[in-house]
Amino acid sequence: MLLILRAAAAVTAAVTAVLLLAGDHPVEFIVADTLVVALLTGAAFLPARHGATAALAVAFGVALGVFIVAFTASVGDGTASWPLAAAVLGCLVGIACAGRELVPATQPQV
């Protein structure tokens, strides 16, 4: 599962970076998107022994906040951005999967 989370974080960071460099972002989101790219990239390449799963959960959480604000801004402008909606859902799944990995499995008491 950690490999899938790492790949999802790397892809999300790469797409966000490409859109950021292409100038497809409003000015008010440049700093937030740069932070998202940095956190997702760092968490994707962090070794497992240094808390990669927790870092991925935090990075997806920050990305979720940024993408929700961007999505609601697009809705407020009159056109919903469906790629941003997909990013919001992807971040929610990433947080849920990372959280599932963080919680130790419990054995049923007999």
PDB file of N, CA and C in Angstrom:
ATOM      1  N   MET A   1       0.822  -1.194   0.000  1.00  0.00           N
ATOM      2  CA  MET A   1       0.000   0.000   0.000  1.00  0.00           C
ATOM      3  C   MET A   1       0.869   1.261   0.000  1.00  0.00           C
ATOM      4  N   LEU A   2       2.013   1.188   0.695  1.00  0.00           N
ATOM      5  CA  LEU A   2       2.886   2.359   0.766  1.00  0.00           C
ATOM      6  C   LEU A   2       3.403   2.746  -0.617  1.00  0.00           C
ATOM      7  N   LEU A   3       3.688   1.756  -1.444  1.00  0.00           N
ATOM      8  CA  LEU A   3       4.160   2.039  -2.793  1.00  0.00           C
ATOM      9  C   LEU A   3       3.092   2.761  -3.613  1.00  0.00           C
ATOM     10  N   ILE A   4       1.842   2.359  -3.465  1.00  0.00           N
ATOM     11  CA  ILE A   4       0.738   3.014  -4.180  1.00  0.00           C
ATOM     12  C   ILE A   4       0.562   4.441  -3.692  1.00  0.00           C
ATOM     13  N   LEU A   5       0.654   4.646  -2.368  1.00  0.00           N
ATOM     14  CA  LEU A   5       0.552   6.003  -1.817  1.00  0.00           C
ATOM     15  C   LEU A   5       1.689   6.883  -2.330  1.00  0.00           C
ATOM     16  N   ARG A   6       2.895   6.323  -2.375  1.00  0.00           N
ATOM     17  CA  ARG A   6       4.042   7.083  -2.889  1.00  0.00           C
ATOM     18  C   ARG A   6       3.824   7.476  -4.358  1.00  0.00           C
ATOM     19  N   ALA A   7       3.344   6.529  -5.150  1.00  0.00           N
ATOM     20  CA  ALA A   7       3.106   6.809  -6.571  1.00  0.00           C
ATOM     21  C   ALA A   7       2.025   7.877  -6.751  1.00  0.00           C
ATOM     22  N   ALA A   8       0.955   7.783  -5.980  1.00  0.00           N
ATOM     23  CA  ALA A   8      -0.120   8.772  -6.066  1.00  0.00           C
ATOM     24  C   ALA A   8       0.379  10.160  -5.665  1.00  0.00           C
ATOM     25  N   ALA A   9       1.200  10.220  -4.624  1.00  0.00           N
ATOM     26  CA  ALA A   9       1.754  11.503  -4.194  1.00  0.00           C
ATOM     27  C   ALA A   9       2.677  12.081  -5.260  1.00  0.00           C
ATOM     28  N   ALA A  10       3.507  11.235  -5.853  1.00  0.00           N
ATOM     29  CA  ALA A  10       4.436  11.704  -6.883  1.00  0.00           C
ATOM     30  C   ALA A  10       3.694  12.191  -8.124  1.00  0.00           C
ATOM     31  N   VAL A  11       2.664  11.471  -8.537  1.00  0.00           N
ATOM     32  CA  VAL A  11       1.889  11.877  -9.711  1.00  0.00           C
ATOM     33  C   VAL A  11       1.145  13.188  -9.443  1.00  0.00           C
ATOM     34  N   THR A  12       0.531  13.293  -8.277  1.00  0.00           N
ATOM     35  CA  THR A  12      -0.183  14.524  -7.923  1.00  0.00           C
ATOM     36  C   THR A  12       0.775  15.704  -7.885  1.00  0.00           C
ATOM     37  N   ALA A  13       1.956  15.501  -7.295  1.00  0.00           N
ATOM     38  CA  ALA A  13       2.957  16.570  -7.234  1.00  0.00           C
ATOM     39  C   ALA A  13       3.431  16.950  -8.637  1.00  0.00           C
ATOM     40  N   ALA A  14       3.653  15.946  -9.492  1.00  0.00           N
ATOM     41  CA  ALA A  14       4.139  16.217 -10.844  1.00  0.00           C
ATOM     42  C   ALA A  14       3.115  16.997 -11.666  1.00  0.00           C
ATOM     43  N   VAL A  15       1.859  16.583 -11.603  1.00  0.00           N
ATOM     44  CA  VAL A  15       0.812  17.285 -12.359  1.00  0.00           C
ATOM     45  C   VAL A  15       0.662  18.713 -11.850  1.00  0.00           C
ATOM     46  N   THR A  16       0.670  18.883 -10.529  1.00  0.00           N
ATOM     47  CA  THR A  16       0.550  20.225  -9.960  1.00  0.00           C
ATOM     48  C   THR A  16       1.741  21.087 -10.366  1.00  0.00           C
ATOM     49  N   ALA A  17       2.942  20.519 -10.365  1.00  0.00           N
ATOM     50  CA  ALA A  17       4.133  21.271 -10.756  1.00  0.00           C
ATOM     51  C   ALA A  17       4.086  21.676 -12.225  1.00  0.00           C
ATOM     52  N   VAL A  18       3.637  20.769 -13.074  1.00  0.00           N
ATOM     53  CA  VAL A  18       3.546  21.087 -14.502  1.00  0.00           C
ATOM     54  C   VAL A  18       2.546  22.213 -14.731  1.00  0.00           C
ATOM     55  N   LEU A  19       1.394  22.129 -14.078  1.00  0.00           N
ATOM     56  CA  LEU A  19       0.395  23.192 -14.226  1.00  0.00           C
ATOM     57  C   LEU A  19       0.895  24.507 -13.636  1.00  0.00           C
ATOM     58  N   LEU A  20       1.654  24.407 -12.561  1.00  0.00           N
ATOM     59  CA  LEU A  20       2.220  25.602 -11.940  1.00  0.00           C
ATOM     60  C   LEU A  20       3.237  26.261 -12.869  1.00  0.00           C
ATOM     61  N   LEU A  21       4.111  25.470 -13.467  1.00  0.00           N
ATOM     62  CA  LEU A  21       5.113  26.010 -14.379  1.00  0.00           C
ATOM     63  C   LEU A  21       4.513  26.492 -15.695  1.00  0.00           C
ATOM     64  N   ALA A  22       3.400  25.898 -16.088  1.00  0.00           N
ATOM     65  CA  ALA A  22       2.740  26.319 -17.327  1.00  0.00           C
ATOM     66  C   ALA A  22       1.986  27.629 -17.153  1.00  0.00           C
ATOM     67  N   GLY A  23       1.865  28.082 -15.908  1.00  0.00           N
ATOM     68  CA  GLY A  23       1.158  29.335 -15.657  1.00  0.00           C
ATOM     69  C   GLY A  23      -0.345  29.192 -15.654  1.00  0.00           C
ATOM     70  N   ASP A  24      -0.825  27.990 -15.374  1.00  0.00           N
ATOM     71  CA  ASP A  24      -2.264  27.716 -15.400  1.00  0.00           C
ATOM     72  C   ASP A  24      -2.907  27.901 -14.026  1.00  0.00           C
ATOM     73  N   HIS A  25      -2.250  28.674 -13.152  1.00  0.00           N
ATOM     74  CA  HIS A  25      -2.761  28.870 -11.801  1.00  0.00           C
ATOM     75  C   HIS A  25      -3.039  30.345 -11.545  1.00  0.00           C
ATOM     76  N   PRO A  26      -4.091  30.634 -10.814  1.00  0.00           N
ATOM     77  CA  PRO A  26      -4.277  32.018 -10.376  1.00  0.00           C
ATOM     78  C   PRO A  26      -3.127  32.419  -9.442  1.00  0.00           C
ATOM     79  N   VAL A  27      -2.821  33.673  -9.405  1.00  0.00           N
ATOM     80  CA  VAL A  27      -1.688  34.171  -8.622  1.00  0.00           C
ATOM     81  C   VAL A  27      -1.821  33.813  -7.146  1.00  0.00           C
ATOM     82  N   GLU A  28      -3.022  33.852  -6.616  1.00  0.00           N
ATOM     83  CA  GLU A  28      -3.205  33.595  -5.186  1.00  0.00           C
ATOM     84  C   GLU A  28      -2.935  32.147  -4.783  1.00  0.00           C
ATOM     85  N   PHE A  29      -2.799  31.234  -5.737  1.00  0.00           N
ATOM     86  CA  PHE A  29      -2.542  29.828  -5.416  1.00  0.00           C
ATOM     87  C   PHE A  29      -1.097  29.403  -5.666  1.00  0.00           C
ATOM     88  N   ILE A  30      -0.225  30.315  -6.091  1.00  0.00           N
ATOM     89  CA  ILE A  30       1.147  29.935  -6.422  1.00  0.00           C
ATOM     90  C   ILE A  30       1.890  29.413  -5.200  1.00  0.00           C
ATOM     91  N   VAL A  31       1.813  30.119  -4.094  1.00  0.00           N
ATOM     92  CA  VAL A  31       2.529  29.690  -2.891  1.00  0.00           C
ATOM     93  C   VAL A  31       1.936  28.389  -2.350  1.00  0.00           C
ATOM     94  N   ALA A  32       0.623  28.293  -2.294  1.00  0.00           N
ATOM     95  CA  ALA A  32      -0.027  27.088  -1.773  1.00  0.00           C
ATOM     96  C   ALA A  32       0.289  25.871  -2.638  1.00  0.00           C
ATOM     97  N   ASP A  33       0.256  26.040  -3.949  1.00  0.00           N
ATOM     98  CA  ASP A  33       0.553  24.916  -4.837  1.00  0.00           C
ATOM     99  C   ASP A  33       2.023  24.519  -4.769  1.00  0.00           C
ATOM    100  N   THR A  34       2.906  25.488  -4.587  1.00  0.00           N
ATOM    101  CA  THR A  34       4.324  25.169  -4.419  1.00  0.00           C
ATOM    102  C   THR A  34       4.533  24.367  -3.141  1.00  0.00           C
ATOM    103  N   LEU A  35       3.832  24.739  -2.083  1.00  0.00           N
ATOM    104  CA  LEU A  35       3.902  23.994  -0.828  1.00  0.00           C
ATOM    105  C   LEU A  35       3.385  22.567  -1.005  1.00  0.00           C
ATOM    106  N   VAL A  36       2.295  22.410  -1.730  1.00  0.00           N
ATOM    107  CA  VAL A  36       1.738  21.082  -1.993  1.00  0.00           C
ATOM    108  C   VAL A  36       2.745  20.221  -2.756  1.00  0.00           C
ATOM    109  N   VAL A  37       3.364  20.798  -3.784  1.00  0.00           N
ATOM    110  CA  VAL A  37       4.352  20.053  -4.565  1.00  0.00           C
ATOM    111  C   VAL A  37       5.517  19.629  -3.674  1.00  0.00           C
ATOM    112  N   ALA A  38       6.011  20.544  -2.848  1.00  0.00           N
ATOM    113  CA  ALA A  38       7.152  20.236  -1.982  1.00  0.00           C
ATOM    114  C   ALA A  38       6.801  19.151  -0.960  1.00  0.00           C
ATOM    115  N   LEU A  39       5.648  19.268  -0.312  1.00  0.00           N
ATOM    116  CA  LEU A  39       5.264  18.285   0.704  1.00  0.00           C
ATOM    117  C   LEU A  39       5.004  16.908   0.099  1.00  0.00           C
ATOM    118  N   LEU A  40       4.278  16.858  -1.007  1.00  0.00           N
ATOM    119  CA  LEU A  40       3.984  15.563  -1.624  1.00  0.00           C
ATOM    120  C   LEU A  40       5.259  14.902  -2.162  1.00  0.00           C
ATOM    121  N   THR A  41       6.148  15.688  -2.746  1.00  0.00           N
ATOM    122  CA  THR A  41       7.398  15.130  -3.260  1.00  0.00           C
ATOM    123  C   THR A  41       8.276  14.623  -2.121  1.00  0.00           C
ATOM    124  N   GLY A  42       8.399  15.430  -1.076  1.00  0.00           N
ATOM    125  CA  GLY A  42       9.202  15.009   0.071  1.00  0.00           C
ATOM    126  C   GLY A  42       8.656  13.759   0.728  1.00  0.00           C
ATOM    127  N   ALA A  43       7.338  13.693   0.900  1.00  0.00           N
ATOM    128  CA  ALA A  43       6.721  12.526   1.530  1.00  0.00           C
ATOM    129  C   ALA A  43       6.837  11.292   0.644  1.00  0.00           C
ATOM    130  N   ALA A  44       6.772  11.472  -0.669  1.00  0.00           N
ATOM    131  CA  ALA A  44       6.856  10.332  -1.585  1.00  0.00           C
ATOM    132  C   ALA A  44       8.227   9.669  -1.553  1.00  0.00           C
ATOM    133  N   PHE A  45       9.265  10.447  -1.292  1.00  0.00           N
ATOM    134  CA  PHE A  45      10.623   9.908  -1.322  1.00  0.00           C
ATOM    135  C   PHE A  45      11.234   9.713   0.061  1.00  0.00           C
ATOM    136  N   LEU A  46      10.480   9.965   1.097  1.00  0.00           N
ATOM    137  CA  LEU A  46      10.971   9.772   2.463  1.00  0.00           C
ATOM    138  C   LEU A  46      11.052   8.275   2.767  1.00  0.00           C
ATOM    139  N   PRO A  47      12.152   7.805   3.353  1.00  0.00           N
ATOM    140  CA  PRO A  47      12.244   6.381   3.687  1.00  0.00           C
ATOM    141  C   PRO A  47      11.186   5.985   4.720  1.00  0.00           C
ATOM    142  N   ALA A  48      10.759   4.747   4.648  1.00  0.00           N
ATOM    143  CA  ALA A  48       9.698   4.253   5.535  1.00  0.00           C
ATOM    144  C   ALA A  48      10.095   4.348   6.998  1.00  0.00           C
ATOM    145  N   ARG A  49      11.366   4.154   7.299  1.00  0.00           N
ATOM    146  CA  ARG A  49      11.801   4.181   8.701  1.00  0.00           C
ATOM    147  C   ARG A  49      11.774   5.588   9.292  1.00  0.00           C
ATOM    148  N   HIS A  50      11.629   6.597   8.445  1.00  0.00           N
ATOM    149  CA  HIS A  50      11.569   7.976   8.911  1.00  0.00           C
ATOM    150  C   HIS A  50      10.143   8.515   8.936  1.00  0.00           C
ATOM    151  N   GLY A  51       9.169   7.646   8.924  1.00  0.00           N
ATOM    152  CA  GLY A  51       7.774   8.073   9.041  1.00  0.00           C
ATOM    153  C   GLY A  51       7.118   8.480   7.740  1.00  0.00           C
ATOM    154  N   ALA A  52       7.385   7.746   6.689  1.00  0.00           N
ATOM    155  CA  ALA A  52       6.834   8.084   5.372  1.00  0.00           C
ATOM    156  C   ALA A  52       5.314   8.044   5.362  1.00  0.00           C
ATOM    157  N   THR A  53       4.726   7.094   6.053  1.00  0.00           N
ATOM    158  CA  THR A  53       3.269   6.974   6.029  1.00  0.00           C
ATOM    159  C   THR A  53       2.610   8.177   6.682  1.00  0.00           C
ATOM    160  N   ALA A  54       3.130   8.593   7.821  1.00  0.00           N
ATOM    161  CA  ALA A  54       2.586   9.783   8.489  1.00  0.00           C
ATOM    162  C   ALA A  54       2.815  11.032   7.645  1.00  0.00           C
ATOM    163  N   ALA A  55       3.977  11.124   7.015  1.00  0.00           N
ATOM    164  CA  ALA A  55       4.271  12.273   6.166  1.00  0.00           C
ATOM    165  C   ALA A  55       3.336  12.315   4.954  1.00  0.00           C
ATOM    166  N   LEU A  56       3.026  11.151   4.401  1.00  0.00           N
ATOM    167  CA  LEU A  56       2.081  11.102   3.281  1.00  0.00           C
ATOM    168  C   LEU A  56       0.689  11.533   3.722  1.00  0.00           C
ATOM    169  N   ALA A  57       0.276  11.123   4.917  1.00  0.00           N
ATOM    170  CA  ALA A  57      -1.035  11.537   5.429  1.00  0.00           C
ATOM    171  C   ALA A  57      -1.099  13.051   5.597  1.00  0.00           C
ATOM    172  N   VAL A  58      -0.042  13.629   6.145  1.00  0.00           N
ATOM    173  CA  VAL A  58       0.001  15.085   6.333  1.00  0.00           C
ATOM    174  C   VAL A  58       0.034  15.801   4.980  1.00  0.00           C
ATOM    175  N   ALA A  59       0.855  15.317   4.057  1.00  0.00           N
ATOM    176  CA  ALA A  59       0.965  15.952   2.742  1.00  0.00           C
ATOM    177  C   ALA A  59      -0.361  15.890   1.983  1.00  0.00           C
ATOM    178  N   PHE A  60      -1.026  14.735   2.031  1.00  0.00           N
ATOM    179  CA  PHE A  60      -2.341  14.639   1.384  1.00  0.00           C
ATOM    180  C   PHE A  60      -3.359  15.546   2.085  1.00  0.00           C
ATOM    181  N   GLY A  61      -3.229  15.715   3.394  1.00  0.00           N
ATOM    182  CA  GLY A  61      -4.127  16.611   4.121  1.00  0.00           C
ATOM    183  C   GLY A  61      -3.950  18.063   3.712  1.00  0.00           C
ATOM    184  N   VAL A  62      -2.704  18.495   3.579  1.00  0.00           N
ATOM    185  CA  VAL A  62      -2.436  19.868   3.126  1.00  0.00           C
ATOM    186  C   VAL A  62      -2.941  20.046   1.696  1.00  0.00           C
ATOM    187  N   ALA A  63      -2.656  19.060   0.850  1.00  0.00           N
ATOM    188  CA  ALA A  63      -3.126  19.133  -0.538  1.00  0.00           C
ATOM    189  C   ALA A  63      -4.647  19.174  -0.592  1.00  0.00           C
ATOM    190  N   LEU A  64      -5.292  18.410   0.276  1.00  0.00           N
ATOM    191  CA  LEU A  64      -6.756  18.428   0.318  1.00  0.00           C
ATOM    192  C   LEU A  64      -7.270  19.823   0.625  1.00  0.00           C
ATOM    193  N   GLY A  65      -6.673  20.480   1.607  1.00  0.00           N
ATOM    194  CA  GLY A  65      -7.094  21.835   1.952  1.00  0.00           C
ATOM    195  C   GLY A  65      -6.926  22.805   0.797  1.00  0.00           C
ATOM    196  N   VAL A  66      -5.790  22.740   0.124  1.00  0.00           N
ATOM    197  CA  VAL A  66      -5.529  23.645  -1.001  1.00  0.00           C
ATOM    198  C   VAL A  66      -6.484  23.357  -2.154  1.00  0.00           C
ATOM    199  N   PHE A  67      -6.684  22.068  -2.460  1.00  0.00           N
ATOM    200  CA  PHE A  67      -7.552  21.721  -3.582  1.00  0.00           C
ATOM    201  C   PHE A  67      -9.022  22.025  -3.300  1.00  0.00           C
ATOM    202  N   ILE A  68      -9.448  21.896  -2.038  1.00  0.00           N
ATOM    203  CA  ILE A  68     -10.837  22.252  -1.704  1.00  0.00           C
ATOM    204  C   ILE A  68     -11.059  23.748  -1.896  1.00  0.00           C
ATOM    205  N   VAL A  69     -10.110  24.554  -1.438  1.00  0.00           N
ATOM    206  CA  VAL A  69     -10.235  26.004  -1.610  1.00  0.00           C
ATOM    207  C   VAL A  69     -10.253  26.364  -3.089  1.00  0.00           C
ATOM    208  N   ALA A  70      -9.378  25.744  -3.876  1.00  0.00           N
ATOM    209  CA  ALA A  70      -9.339  26.024  -5.314  1.00  0.00           C
ATOM    210  C   ALA A  70     -10.631  25.568  -6.001  1.00  0.00           C
ATOM    211  N   PHE A  71     -11.151  24.410  -5.585  1.00  0.00           N
ATOM    212  CA  PHE A  71     -12.398  23.921  -6.194  1.00  0.00           C
ATOM    213  C   PHE A  71     -13.573  24.842  -5.861  1.00  0.00           C
ATOM    214  N   THR A  72     -13.678  25.247  -4.604  1.00  0.00           N
ATOM    215  CA  THR A  72     -14.784  26.136  -4.240  1.00  0.00           C
ATOM    216  C   THR A  72     -14.642  27.501  -4.908  1.00  0.00           C
ATOM    217  N   ALA A  73     -13.406  27.946  -5.134  1.00  0.00           N
ATOM    218  CA  ALA A  73     -13.203  29.197  -5.872  1.00  0.00           C
ATOM    219  C   ALA A  73     -13.662  29.045  -7.317  1.00  0.00           C
ATOM    220  N   SER A  74     -13.399  27.874  -7.917  1.00  0.00           N
ATOM    221  CA  SER A  74     -13.848  27.663  -9.293  1.00  0.00           C
ATOM    222  C   SER A  74     -15.373  27.591  -9.372  1.00  0.00           C
ATOM    223  N   VAL A  75     -15.994  27.002  -8.357  1.00  0.00           N
ATOM    224  CA  VAL A  75     -17.460  26.956  -8.319  1.00  0.00           C
ATOM    225  C   VAL A  75     -18.017  28.366  -8.151  1.00  0.00           C
ATOM    226  N   GLY A  76     -17.354  29.158  -7.298  1.00  0.00           N
ATOM    227  CA  GLY A  76     -17.781  30.543  -7.100  1.00  0.00           C
ATOM    228  C   GLY A  76     -17.662  31.378  -8.359  1.00  0.00           C
ATOM    229  N   ASP A  77     -16.719  31.017  -9.238  1.00  0.00           N
ATOM    230  CA  ASP A  77     -16.548  31.730 -10.504  1.00  0.00           C
ATOM    231  C   ASP A  77     -17.571  31.294 -11.546  1.00  0.00           C
ATOM    232  N   GLY A  78     -18.343  30.268 -11.230  1.00  0.00           N
ATOM    233  CA  GLY A  78     -19.402  29.847 -12.135  1.00  0.00           C
ATOM    234  C   GLY A  78     -19.131  28.574 -12.908  1.00  0.00           C
ATOM    235  N   THR A  79     -17.911  28.059 -12.860  1.00  0.00           N
ATOM    236  CA  THR A  79     -17.604  26.813 -13.557  1.00  0.00           C
ATOM    237  C   THR A  79     -16.867  25.888 -12.602  1.00  0.00           C
ATOM    238  N   ALA A  80     -17.446  24.734 -12.367  1.00  0.00           N
ATOM    239  CA  ALA A  80     -16.798  23.766 -11.487  1.00  0.00           C
ATOM    240  C   ALA A  80     -15.640  23.101 -12.225  1.00  0.00           C
ATOM    241  N   SER A  81     -14.485  23.043 -11.583  1.00  0.00           N
ATOM    242  CA  SER A  81     -13.314  22.392 -12.164  1.00  0.00           C
ATOM    243  C   SER A  81     -13.315  20.929 -11.755  1.00  0.00           C
ATOM    244  N   TRP A  82     -13.675  20.056 -12.676  1.00  0.00           N
ATOM    245  CA  TRP A  82     -13.770  18.636 -12.357  1.00  0.00           C
ATOM    246  C   TRP A  82     -12.411  17.989 -12.113  1.00  0.00           C
ATOM    247  N   PRO A  83     -11.331  18.440 -12.752  1.00  0.00           N
ATOM    248  CA  PRO A  83     -10.027  17.902 -12.353  1.00  0.00           C
ATOM    249  C   PRO A  83      -9.692  18.217 -10.884  1.00  0.00           C
ATOM    250  N   LEU A  84     -10.082  19.396 -10.416  1.00  0.00           N
ATOM    251  CA  LEU A  84      -9.868  19.713  -8.999  1.00  0.00           C
ATOM    252  C   LEU A  84     -10.746  18.843  -8.109  1.00  0.00           C
ATOM    253  N   ALA A  85     -11.962  18.554  -8.555  1.00  0.00           N
ATOM    254  CA  ALA A  85     -12.831  17.660  -7.775  1.00  0.00           C
ATOM    255  C   ALA A  85     -12.209  16.274  -7.685  1.00  0.00           C
ATOM    256  N   ALA A  86     -11.609  15.815  -8.778  1.00  0.00           N
ATOM    257  CA  ALA A  86     -10.923  14.520  -8.756  1.00  0.00           C
ATOM    258  C   ALA A  86      -9.715  14.553  -7.818  1.00  0.00           C
ATOM    259  N   ALA A  87      -9.011  15.681  -7.788  1.00  0.00           N
ATOM    260  CA  ALA A  87      -7.870  15.820  -6.877  1.00  0.00           C
ATOM    261  C   ALA A  87      -8.328  15.800  -5.419  1.00  0.00           C
ATOM    262  N   VAL A  88      -9.461  16.423  -5.146  1.00  0.00           N
ATOM    263  CA  VAL A  88     -10.015  16.399  -3.784  1.00  0.00           C
ATOM    264  C   VAL A  88     -10.345  14.967  -3.382  1.00  0.00           C
ATOM    265  N   LEU A  89     -11.010  14.238  -4.253  1.00  0.00           N
ATOM    266  CA  LEU A  89     -11.342  12.843  -3.945  1.00  0.00           C
ATOM    267  C   LEU A  89     -10.081  11.987  -3.800  1.00  0.00           C
ATOM    268  N   GLY A  90      -9.092  12.220  -4.642  1.00  0.00           N
ATOM    269  CA  GLY A  90      -7.841  11.478  -4.541  1.00  0.00           C
ATOM    270  C   GLY A  90      -7.122  11.736  -3.223  1.00  0.00           C
ATOM    271  N   CYS A  91      -7.148  12.975  -2.775  1.00  0.00           N
ATOM    272  CA  CYS A  91      -6.527  13.301  -1.484  1.00  0.00           C
ATOM    273  C   CYS A  91      -7.285  12.642  -0.335  1.00  0.00           C
ATOM    274  N   LEU A  92      -8.601  12.613  -0.420  1.00  0.00           N
ATOM    275  CA  LEU A  92      -9.391  11.934   0.613  1.00  0.00           C
ATOM    276  C   LEU A  92      -9.040  10.446   0.680  1.00  0.00           C
ATOM    277  N   VAL A  93      -8.913   9.822  -0.485  1.00  0.00           N
ATOM    278  CA  VAL A  93      -8.531   8.407  -0.528  1.00  0.00           C
ATOM    279  C   VAL A  93      -7.116   8.222   0.010  1.00  0.00           C
ATOM    280  N   GLY A  94      -6.212   9.130  -0.344  1.00  0.00           N
ATOM    281  CA  GLY A  94      -4.842   9.049   0.146  1.00  0.00           C
ATOM    282  C   GLY A  94      -4.766   9.155   1.661  1.00  0.00           C
ATOM    283  N   ILE A  95      -5.540  10.061   2.248  1.00  0.00           N
ATOM    284  CA  ILE A  95      -5.575  10.212   3.704  1.00  0.00           C
ATOM    285  C   ILE A  95      -6.143   8.952   4.347  1.00  0.00           C
ATOM    286  N   ALA A  96      -7.213   8.429   3.770  1.00  0.00           N
ATOM    287  CA  ALA A  96      -7.841   7.226   4.334  1.00  0.00           C
ATOM    288  C   ALA A  96      -6.888   6.028   4.272  1.00  0.00           C
ATOM    289  N   CYS A  97      -6.201   5.855   3.157  1.00  0.00           N
ATOM    290  CA  CYS A  97      -5.276   4.725   3.028  1.00  0.00           C
ATOM    291  C   CYS A  97      -4.067   4.879   3.942  1.00  0.00           C
ATOM    292  N   ALA A  98      -3.538   6.093   4.040  1.00  0.00           N
ATOM    293  CA  ALA A  98      -2.401   6.322   4.932  1.00  0.00           C
ATOM    294  C   ALA A  98      -2.819   6.123   6.386  1.00  0.00           C
ATOM    295  N   GLY A  99      -3.993   6.585   6.731  1.00  0.00           N
ATOM    296  CA  GLY A  99      -4.496   6.386   8.090  1.00  0.00           C
ATOM    297  C   GLY A  99      -4.692   4.919   8.405  1.00  0.00           C
ATOM    298  N   ARG A 100      -5.153   4.175   7.429  1.00  0.00           N
ATOM    299  CA  ARG A 100      -5.342   2.728   7.626  1.00  0.00           C
ATOM    300  C   ARG A 100      -4.007   2.037   7.866  1.00  0.00           C
ATOM    301  N   GLU A 101      -2.965   2.503   7.197  1.00  0.00           N
ATOM    302  CA  GLU A 101      -1.633   1.929   7.390  1.00  0.00           C
ATOM    303  C   GLU A 101      -1.042   2.314   8.750  1.00  0.00           C
ATOM    304  N   LEU A 102      -1.426   3.477   9.249  1.00  0.00           N
ATOM    305  CA  LEU A 102      -0.881   3.950  10.526  1.00  0.00           C
ATOM    306  C   LEU A 102      -1.482   3.234  11.732  1.00  0.00           C
ATOM    307  N   VAL A 103      -2.736   2.822  11.609  1.00  0.00           N
ATOM    308  CA  VAL A 103      -3.417   2.163  12.727  1.00  0.00           C
ATOM    309  C   VAL A 103      -3.010   0.693  12.743  1.00  0.00           C
ATOM    310  N   PRO A 104      -2.461   0.226  13.865  1.00  0.00           N
ATOM    311  CA  PRO A 104      -2.056  -1.182  13.904  1.00  0.00           C
ATOM    312  C   PRO A 104      -3.263  -2.111  13.865  1.00  0.00           C
ATOM    313  N   ALA A 105      -3.067  -3.253  13.241  1.00  0.00           N
ATOM    314  CA  ALA A 105      -4.132  -4.253  13.179  1.00  0.00           C
ATOM    315  C   ALA A 105      -4.332  -4.851  14.574  1.00  0.00           C
ATOM    316  N   THR A 106      -5.568  -5.000  14.947  1.00  0.00           N
ATOM    317  CA  THR A 106      -5.855  -5.569  16.253  1.00  0.00           C
ATOM    318  C   THR A 106      -6.349  -6.994  16.095  1.00  0.00           C
ATOM    319  N   GLN A 107      -5.998  -7.804  17.043  1.00  0.00           N
ATOM    320  CA  GLN A 107      -6.440  -9.187  17.047  1.00  0.00           C
ATOM    321  C   GLN A 107      -7.711  -9.282  17.878  1.00  0.00           C
ATOM    322  N   PRO A 108      -8.695 -10.028  17.393  1.00  0.00           N
ATOM    323  CA  PRO A 108      -9.926 -10.191  18.177  1.00  0.00           C
ATOM    324  C   PRO A 108      -9.638 -10.934  19.484  1.00  0.00           C
ATOM    325  N   GLN A 109     -10.253 -10.470  20.538  1.00  0.00           N
ATOM    326  CA  GLN A 109     -10.088 -11.100  21.839  1.00  0.00           C
ATOM    327  C   GLN A 109     -11.054 -12.290  21.957  1.00  0.00           C
ATOM    328  N   VAL A 110     -10.516 -13.426  22.284  1.00  0.00           N
ATOM    329  CA  VAL A 110     -11.351 -14.638  22.387  1.00  0.00           C
ATOM    330  C   VAL A 110     -11.600 -14.933  23.836  1.00  0.00           C
TER     331      VAL A 110
END
